[in-house]
N, C-alpha and C. Protein backbone atom coordinates (compact mmCIF):
# COMPACT_ATOMS: atom_id res chain seq x y z
N UNK A 1 0.27 22.02 -13.84
CA UNK A 1 0.46 20.63 -13.49
C UNK A 1 0.38 20.41 -11.98
N UNK A 2 0.74 21.39 -11.21
CA UNK A 2 0.75 21.21 -9.76
C UNK A 2 -0.63 20.96 -9.19
N UNK A 3 -1.65 21.63 -9.72
CA UNK A 3 -2.99 21.44 -9.18
C UNK A 3 -3.50 20.03 -9.47
N UNK A 4 -3.19 19.50 -10.65
CA UNK A 4 -3.60 18.12 -10.97
C UNK A 4 -2.88 17.12 -10.08
N UNK A 5 -1.61 17.38 -9.85
CA UNK A 5 -0.82 16.50 -8.99
C UNK A 5 -1.35 16.52 -7.55
N UNK A 6 -1.66 17.69 -7.07
CA UNK A 6 -2.18 17.81 -5.71
C UNK A 6 -3.54 17.14 -5.60
N UNK A 7 -4.43 17.37 -6.58
CA UNK A 7 -5.75 16.74 -6.55
C UNK A 7 -5.65 15.22 -6.61
N UNK A 8 -4.79 14.72 -7.48
CA UNK A 8 -4.58 13.27 -7.58
C UNK A 8 -4.07 12.73 -6.25
N UNK A 9 -3.09 13.40 -5.67
CA UNK A 9 -2.54 12.96 -4.39
C UNK A 9 -3.57 12.97 -3.29
N UNK A 10 -4.35 14.02 -3.20
CA UNK A 10 -5.37 14.12 -2.15
C UNK A 10 -6.43 13.05 -2.30
N UNK A 11 -6.90 12.84 -3.53
CA UNK A 11 -7.95 11.83 -3.72
C UNK A 11 -7.45 10.41 -3.46
N UNK A 12 -6.19 10.12 -3.80
CA UNK A 12 -5.64 8.80 -3.48
C UNK A 12 -5.43 8.65 -1.97
N UNK A 13 -5.05 9.72 -1.30
CA UNK A 13 -4.91 9.67 0.15
C UNK A 13 -6.26 9.38 0.78
N UNK A 14 -7.31 10.05 0.30
CA UNK A 14 -8.66 9.78 0.80
C UNK A 14 -9.04 8.33 0.55
N UNK A 15 -8.71 7.82 -0.64
CA UNK A 15 -9.01 6.42 -0.96
C UNK A 15 -8.31 5.47 0.00
N UNK A 16 -7.02 5.70 0.23
CA UNK A 16 -6.27 4.83 1.15
C UNK A 16 -6.83 4.89 2.57
N UNK A 17 -7.19 6.09 3.03
CA UNK A 17 -7.75 6.23 4.38
C UNK A 17 -9.08 5.48 4.48
N UNK A 18 -9.91 5.57 3.44
CA UNK A 18 -11.18 4.84 3.44
C UNK A 18 -10.97 3.33 3.41
N UNK A 19 -9.97 2.87 2.66
CA UNK A 19 -9.64 1.44 2.64
C UNK A 19 -9.21 0.99 4.03
N UNK A 20 -8.37 1.78 4.69
CA UNK A 20 -7.91 1.43 6.03
C UNK A 20 -9.08 1.39 7.00
N UNK A 21 -9.95 2.39 6.95
CA UNK A 21 -11.10 2.43 7.86
C UNK A 21 -12.03 1.25 7.64
N UNK A 22 -12.32 0.93 6.39
CA UNK A 22 -13.20 -0.20 6.07
C UNK A 22 -12.56 -1.52 6.47
N UNK A 23 -11.27 -1.65 6.26
CA UNK A 23 -10.57 -2.88 6.63
C UNK A 23 -10.60 -3.10 8.14
N UNK A 24 -10.36 -2.05 8.89
CA UNK A 24 -10.39 -2.18 10.35
C UNK A 24 -11.81 -2.46 10.85
N UNK A 25 -12.79 -1.83 10.22
CA UNK A 25 -14.18 -2.05 10.63
C UNK A 25 -14.61 -3.49 10.36
N UNK A 26 -14.29 -3.98 9.16
CA UNK A 26 -14.71 -5.33 8.76
C UNK A 26 -13.74 -6.42 9.21
N UNK A 27 -12.60 -6.03 9.73
CA UNK A 27 -11.55 -6.97 10.13
C UNK A 27 -11.14 -7.90 9.00
N UNK A 28 -10.83 -7.30 7.89
CA UNK A 28 -10.35 -8.02 6.72
C UNK A 28 -9.40 -7.10 5.96
N UNK A 29 -8.77 -7.62 4.94
CA UNK A 29 -7.84 -6.79 4.18
C UNK A 29 -8.60 -6.04 3.09
N UNK A 30 -8.08 -4.89 2.71
CA UNK A 30 -8.77 -4.05 1.74
C UNK A 30 -8.20 -4.11 0.35
N UNK A 31 -6.96 -4.53 0.23
CA UNK A 31 -6.30 -4.64 -1.08
C UNK A 31 -5.63 -6.00 -1.14
N UNK A 32 -5.75 -6.72 -2.25
CA UNK A 32 -5.08 -8.02 -2.37
C UNK A 32 -3.56 -7.88 -2.21
N UNK A 33 -2.94 -8.95 -1.75
CA UNK A 33 -1.52 -8.92 -1.42
C UNK A 33 -0.65 -8.54 -2.61
N UNK A 34 -0.95 -9.11 -3.76
CA UNK A 34 -0.14 -8.82 -4.94
C UNK A 34 -0.23 -7.34 -5.30
N UNK A 35 -1.43 -6.76 -5.22
CA UNK A 35 -1.62 -5.35 -5.55
C UNK A 35 -0.89 -4.45 -4.54
N UNK A 36 -0.97 -4.77 -3.27
CA UNK A 36 -0.30 -3.95 -2.27
C UNK A 36 1.22 -4.06 -2.42
N UNK A 37 1.70 -5.21 -2.83
CA UNK A 37 3.14 -5.36 -3.08
C UNK A 37 3.59 -4.48 -4.24
N UNK A 38 2.79 -4.45 -5.30
CA UNK A 38 3.13 -3.58 -6.43
C UNK A 38 3.05 -2.11 -6.04
N UNK A 39 2.04 -1.74 -5.26
CA UNK A 39 1.93 -0.36 -4.79
C UNK A 39 3.15 0.04 -3.96
N UNK A 40 3.55 -0.83 -3.06
CA UNK A 40 4.72 -0.54 -2.23
C UNK A 40 5.98 -0.38 -3.08
N UNK A 41 6.15 -1.26 -4.05
CA UNK A 41 7.32 -1.17 -4.93
C UNK A 41 7.31 0.14 -5.71
N UNK A 42 6.17 0.48 -6.25
CA UNK A 42 6.02 1.71 -7.04
C UNK A 42 6.32 2.94 -6.18
N UNK A 43 5.70 3.01 -5.02
CA UNK A 43 5.86 4.19 -4.20
C UNK A 43 7.24 4.28 -3.55
N UNK A 44 7.84 3.15 -3.21
CA UNK A 44 9.21 3.16 -2.70
C UNK A 44 10.17 3.66 -3.78
N UNK A 45 9.96 3.17 -4.99
CA UNK A 45 10.82 3.56 -6.11
C UNK A 45 10.79 5.07 -6.32
N UNK A 46 9.57 5.64 -6.34
CA UNK A 46 9.47 7.08 -6.63
C UNK A 46 9.64 7.95 -5.39
N UNK A 47 9.77 7.34 -4.23
CA UNK A 47 10.12 8.10 -3.02
C UNK A 47 11.64 8.20 -2.85
N UNK A 48 12.32 7.10 -3.09
CA UNK A 48 13.73 7.03 -2.71
C UNK A 48 14.70 6.77 -3.86
N UNK A 49 14.31 6.03 -4.87
CA UNK A 49 15.25 5.69 -5.94
C UNK A 49 15.21 6.73 -7.06
N UNK A 50 14.02 7.04 -7.55
CA UNK A 50 13.85 8.04 -8.60
C UNK A 50 12.87 9.12 -8.15
N UNK A 51 13.22 9.88 -7.14
CA UNK A 51 12.29 10.91 -6.66
C UNK A 51 12.17 12.05 -7.67
N UNK A 52 10.98 12.60 -7.81
CA UNK A 52 10.84 13.76 -8.69
C UNK A 52 11.53 14.97 -8.07
N UNK A 53 12.59 15.41 -8.69
CA UNK A 53 13.43 16.45 -8.10
C UNK A 53 12.80 17.84 -8.19
N UNK A 54 12.01 18.08 -9.22
CA UNK A 54 11.49 19.42 -9.40
C UNK A 54 10.21 19.69 -8.60
N UNK A 55 9.56 18.64 -8.13
CA UNK A 55 8.29 18.82 -7.41
C UNK A 55 8.41 18.28 -5.99
N UNK A 56 8.58 19.15 -5.03
CA UNK A 56 8.64 18.74 -3.63
C UNK A 56 7.31 18.14 -3.19
N UNK A 57 6.22 18.71 -3.67
CA UNK A 57 4.90 18.20 -3.28
C UNK A 57 4.72 16.76 -3.73
N UNK A 58 5.27 16.39 -4.88
CA UNK A 58 5.17 15.01 -5.36
C UNK A 58 5.93 14.06 -4.44
N UNK A 59 7.08 14.47 -3.96
CA UNK A 59 7.84 13.63 -3.03
C UNK A 59 7.06 13.43 -1.73
N UNK A 60 6.43 14.48 -1.26
CA UNK A 60 5.64 14.39 -0.03
C UNK A 60 4.44 13.46 -0.23
N UNK A 61 3.77 13.60 -1.37
CA UNK A 61 2.62 12.75 -1.66
C UNK A 61 3.04 11.29 -1.76
N UNK A 62 4.14 11.00 -2.45
CA UNK A 62 4.61 9.62 -2.55
C UNK A 62 4.96 9.06 -1.18
N UNK A 63 5.54 9.86 -0.32
CA UNK A 63 5.87 9.40 1.03
C UNK A 63 4.61 9.10 1.84
N UNK A 64 3.60 9.96 1.74
CA UNK A 64 2.34 9.70 2.44
C UNK A 64 1.71 8.42 1.91
N UNK A 65 1.71 8.23 0.59
CA UNK A 65 1.16 7.00 0.01
C UNK A 65 1.91 5.78 0.53
N UNK A 66 3.22 5.87 0.60
CA UNK A 66 4.03 4.75 1.09
C UNK A 66 3.67 4.41 2.53
N UNK A 67 3.53 5.40 3.36
CA UNK A 67 3.17 5.16 4.76
C UNK A 67 1.79 4.52 4.86
N UNK A 68 0.84 5.03 4.09
CA UNK A 68 -0.51 4.45 4.11
C UNK A 68 -0.51 3.02 3.57
N UNK A 69 0.30 2.75 2.54
CA UNK A 69 0.42 1.38 2.04
C UNK A 69 1.01 0.44 3.08
N UNK A 70 1.96 0.91 3.85
CA UNK A 70 2.53 0.08 4.92
C UNK A 70 1.47 -0.24 5.98
N UNK A 71 0.60 0.71 6.26
CA UNK A 71 -0.50 0.44 7.20
C UNK A 71 -1.45 -0.60 6.61
N UNK A 72 -1.76 -0.47 5.33
CA UNK A 72 -2.62 -1.45 4.66
C UNK A 72 -1.97 -2.83 4.67
N UNK A 73 -0.66 -2.88 4.47
CA UNK A 73 0.07 -4.16 4.53
C UNK A 73 -0.02 -4.78 5.92
N UNK A 74 0.14 -3.97 6.95
CA UNK A 74 0.01 -4.48 8.33
C UNK A 74 -1.38 -5.04 8.57
N UNK A 75 -2.39 -4.38 8.05
CA UNK A 75 -3.76 -4.88 8.19
C UNK A 75 -3.92 -6.20 7.45
N UNK A 76 -3.29 -6.31 6.28
CA UNK A 76 -3.35 -7.58 5.55
C UNK A 76 -2.74 -8.70 6.39
N UNK A 77 -1.59 -8.46 6.99
CA UNK A 77 -0.95 -9.49 7.80
C UNK A 77 -1.75 -9.80 9.06
N UNK A 78 -2.48 -8.83 9.56
CA UNK A 78 -3.26 -9.05 10.77
C UNK A 78 -4.54 -9.84 10.49
N UNK A 79 -5.25 -9.51 9.42
CA UNK A 79 -6.57 -10.11 9.17
C UNK A 79 -6.65 -10.99 7.92
N UNK A 80 -5.66 -10.91 7.04
CA UNK A 80 -5.76 -11.57 5.74
C UNK A 80 -5.82 -13.08 5.78
N UNK A 81 -5.19 -13.70 6.76
CA UNK A 81 -5.12 -15.15 6.81
C UNK A 81 -6.51 -15.78 6.98
N UNK A 82 -7.45 -15.06 7.53
CA UNK A 82 -8.80 -15.60 7.75
C UNK A 82 -9.56 -15.83 6.45
N UNK A 83 -9.17 -15.15 5.41
CA UNK A 83 -9.90 -15.19 4.15
C UNK A 83 -9.47 -16.33 3.22
N UNK A 84 -8.36 -16.97 3.51
CA UNK A 84 -7.83 -17.96 2.60
C UNK A 84 -8.20 -19.38 3.01
N UNK A 85 -8.58 -20.18 2.02
CA UNK A 85 -8.94 -21.57 2.29
C UNK A 85 -7.71 -22.42 2.58
N UNK A 86 -6.64 -22.16 1.86
CA UNK A 86 -5.42 -22.94 2.03
C UNK A 86 -4.49 -22.18 2.98
N UNK A 87 -4.67 -22.41 4.26
CA UNK A 87 -3.90 -21.67 5.26
C UNK A 87 -2.44 -22.13 5.32
N UNK A 88 -2.16 -23.34 4.83
CA UNK A 88 -0.77 -23.80 4.81
C UNK A 88 0.07 -22.92 3.92
N UNK A 89 -0.54 -22.45 2.83
CA UNK A 89 0.19 -21.59 1.89
C UNK A 89 0.59 -20.28 2.55
N UNK A 90 -0.27 -19.77 3.41
CA UNK A 90 0.00 -18.48 4.05
C UNK A 90 0.58 -18.61 5.44
N UNK A 91 0.92 -19.81 5.83
CA UNK A 91 1.46 -20.01 7.17
C UNK A 91 2.74 -19.21 7.36
N UNK A 92 3.53 -19.14 6.33
CA UNK A 92 4.77 -18.39 6.41
C UNK A 92 4.65 -17.17 5.50
N UNK A 93 4.29 -16.03 6.07
CA UNK A 93 4.13 -14.80 5.29
C UNK A 93 5.43 -14.33 4.69
N UNK A 94 6.53 -14.67 5.28
CA UNK A 94 7.82 -14.20 4.76
C UNK A 94 8.07 -14.75 3.37
N UNK A 95 7.73 -16.01 3.13
CA UNK A 95 7.95 -16.55 1.79
C UNK A 95 7.02 -15.89 0.78
N UNK A 96 5.80 -15.60 1.16
CA UNK A 96 4.86 -14.91 0.28
C UNK A 96 5.35 -13.50 -0.03
N UNK A 97 5.83 -12.81 0.99
CA UNK A 97 6.36 -11.47 0.81
C UNK A 97 7.57 -11.49 -0.11
N UNK A 98 8.48 -12.44 0.08
CA UNK A 98 9.66 -12.55 -0.77
C UNK A 98 9.28 -12.87 -2.21
N UNK A 99 8.27 -13.69 -2.40
CA UNK A 99 7.82 -14.03 -3.75
C UNK A 99 7.32 -12.78 -4.46
N UNK A 100 6.54 -11.96 -3.78
CA UNK A 100 6.00 -10.76 -4.40
C UNK A 100 7.08 -9.69 -4.63
N UNK A 101 8.08 -9.65 -3.78
CA UNK A 101 9.16 -8.69 -3.99
C UNK A 101 10.07 -9.11 -5.13
N UNK A 102 10.15 -10.41 -5.38
CA UNK A 102 11.00 -10.90 -6.45
C UNK A 102 10.47 -10.41 -7.78
């Protein structure tokens, strides 16, 4: 099971790094806000609330994913507003963030 876990972790890390690179190059967000909110919730949960106790490598992978998701979220906040037609809705990112966390 460890080799599958490591391969899955490495390939998702590569995916996140490519999303970050493409987002910075194109100056836009790479993952929709709702999806990145769910990713953050999932990875925070399995990093800190229900960490896999028997697999240290899984905890490390979840932590790396969480950090990369936070970078993707920062990119969304930096460039995401340009993509929306209704800018009044996104004027206050805090309310949007709270809605997705709810």
